[in-house]
Protein backbone atom coordinates (compact mmCIF):
# COMPACT_ATOMS: atom_id res chain seq x y z
CA MET A 1 -35.45 -33.47 1.16
CA ALA A 2 -33.02 -35.35 -1.18
CA ASP A 3 -33.94 -38.16 -3.36
CA PHE A 4 -31.90 -40.96 -4.75
CA LEU A 5 -32.63 -44.03 -6.99
CA LEU A 6 -31.58 -47.57 -6.51
CA ARG A 7 -31.27 -49.64 -9.60
CA ASP A 8 -31.10 -53.42 -10.21
CA LEU A 9 -32.22 -54.63 -6.83
CA ASP A 10 -32.42 -58.44 -6.23
CA ALA A 11 -36.09 -59.76 -6.48
CA ALA A 12 -35.61 -61.68 -3.13
CA LEU A 13 -34.33 -58.45 -1.50
CA MET A 14 -37.47 -56.67 -2.69
CA GLU A 15 -39.68 -59.34 -1.46
CA ALA A 16 -38.05 -59.37 1.89
CA LEU A 17 -38.47 -55.53 2.22
CA ARG A 18 -42.15 -55.90 1.31
CA GLU A 19 -42.63 -58.44 3.90
CA ARG A 20 -40.85 -56.68 6.52
CA ALA A 21 -42.99 -53.56 5.74
CA GLN A 22 -46.11 -55.55 5.83
CA ARG A 23 -45.27 -56.95 9.25
CA SER A 24 -44.46 -53.56 10.65
CA GLY A 25 -47.57 -51.87 9.15
CA ARG A 26 -45.66 -49.51 7.01
CA SER A 27 -45.36 -48.81 3.40
CA LEU A 28 -42.43 -50.05 1.48
CA GLN A 29 -40.96 -46.65 1.35
CA ALA A 30 -41.64 -45.91 5.05
CA GLU A 31 -39.87 -49.24 5.77
CA ILE A 32 -36.79 -48.38 3.70
CA HIS A 33 -36.69 -44.97 5.48
CA ALA A 34 -36.76 -46.80 8.72
CA ALA A 35 -34.00 -49.27 7.82
CA LEU A 36 -31.69 -46.44 6.39
CA ARG A 37 -32.40 -44.34 9.48
CA ALA A 38 -31.44 -47.32 11.86
CA TRP A 39 -28.35 -47.95 9.64
CA ALA A 40 -27.10 -44.48 9.79
CA GLN A 41 -27.19 -44.28 13.44
CA PRO A 42 -23.69 -43.72 14.85
CA SER A 43 -22.14 -46.97 16.11
CA LEU A 44 -20.47 -47.28 19.34
CA THR A 45 -16.81 -47.71 19.16
CA PRO A 46 -15.15 -50.80 21.15
CA GLU A 47 -14.18 -48.64 23.89
CA GLU A 48 -17.60 -47.24 24.15
CA TRP A 49 -19.11 -50.68 24.41
CA VAL A 50 -16.74 -51.51 27.17
CA ALA A 51 -17.70 -48.49 29.10
CA ALA A 52 -21.47 -49.03 28.68
CA ALA A 53 -21.12 -52.57 29.90
CA ARG A 54 -19.06 -51.48 32.87
CA ALA A 55 -21.60 -48.71 33.54
CA ALA A 56 -24.49 -51.42 33.44
CA ARG A 57 -22.39 -53.84 35.52
CA GLU A 58 -21.88 -50.99 38.22
CA GLU A 59 -25.53 -50.05 37.92
CA LEU A 60 -26.65 -53.59 38.68
CA GLY A 61 -24.05 -53.86 41.69
CA SER A 62 -24.28 -57.09 43.42
CA ARG A 63 -27.72 -57.96 42.71
CA ARG A 64 -28.22 -61.49 42.20
CA PHE A 65 -30.64 -63.06 39.59
CA ALA A 66 -32.65 -66.26 39.19
CA ASP A 67 -30.99 -69.06 37.27
CA ALA A 68 -32.86 -68.71 33.81
CA ALA A 69 -32.25 -72.43 33.08
CA ALA A 70 -34.03 -73.54 36.12
CA LEU A 71 -37.09 -71.14 35.46
CA ILE A 72 -37.40 -72.64 31.95
CA ARG A 73 -37.20 -76.12 33.15
CA GLU A 74 -39.90 -75.42 35.84
CA HIS A 75 -42.22 -73.76 33.26
CA ARG A 76 -41.52 -76.47 30.70
CA ASP A 77 -42.45 -79.27 33.29
CA THR A 78 -45.60 -77.41 34.46
CA PRO A 79 -48.87 -79.35 33.15
CA ARG A 80 -50.89 -77.38 30.80
CA ARG A 81 -54.47 -77.12 30.76
CA PRO A 82 -56.35 -77.97 27.82
């Protein structure tokens, strides 16, 4: 495996990486590896995004979904138990 060294990293960036690593239960090195892997994943072209959206829309067909705003209002307005 290859190694590389990053110099002069901002203290705020290092702290953010440490916090992110702690939240995800990983070492700092493992967190940086995960971030680099995610960043290096090939991204979709705009045409591929459109094709994926069309495929998802086609898969859903004419299914109807509940109005999320109504569900949120109903939940918000429901009395809570102490």
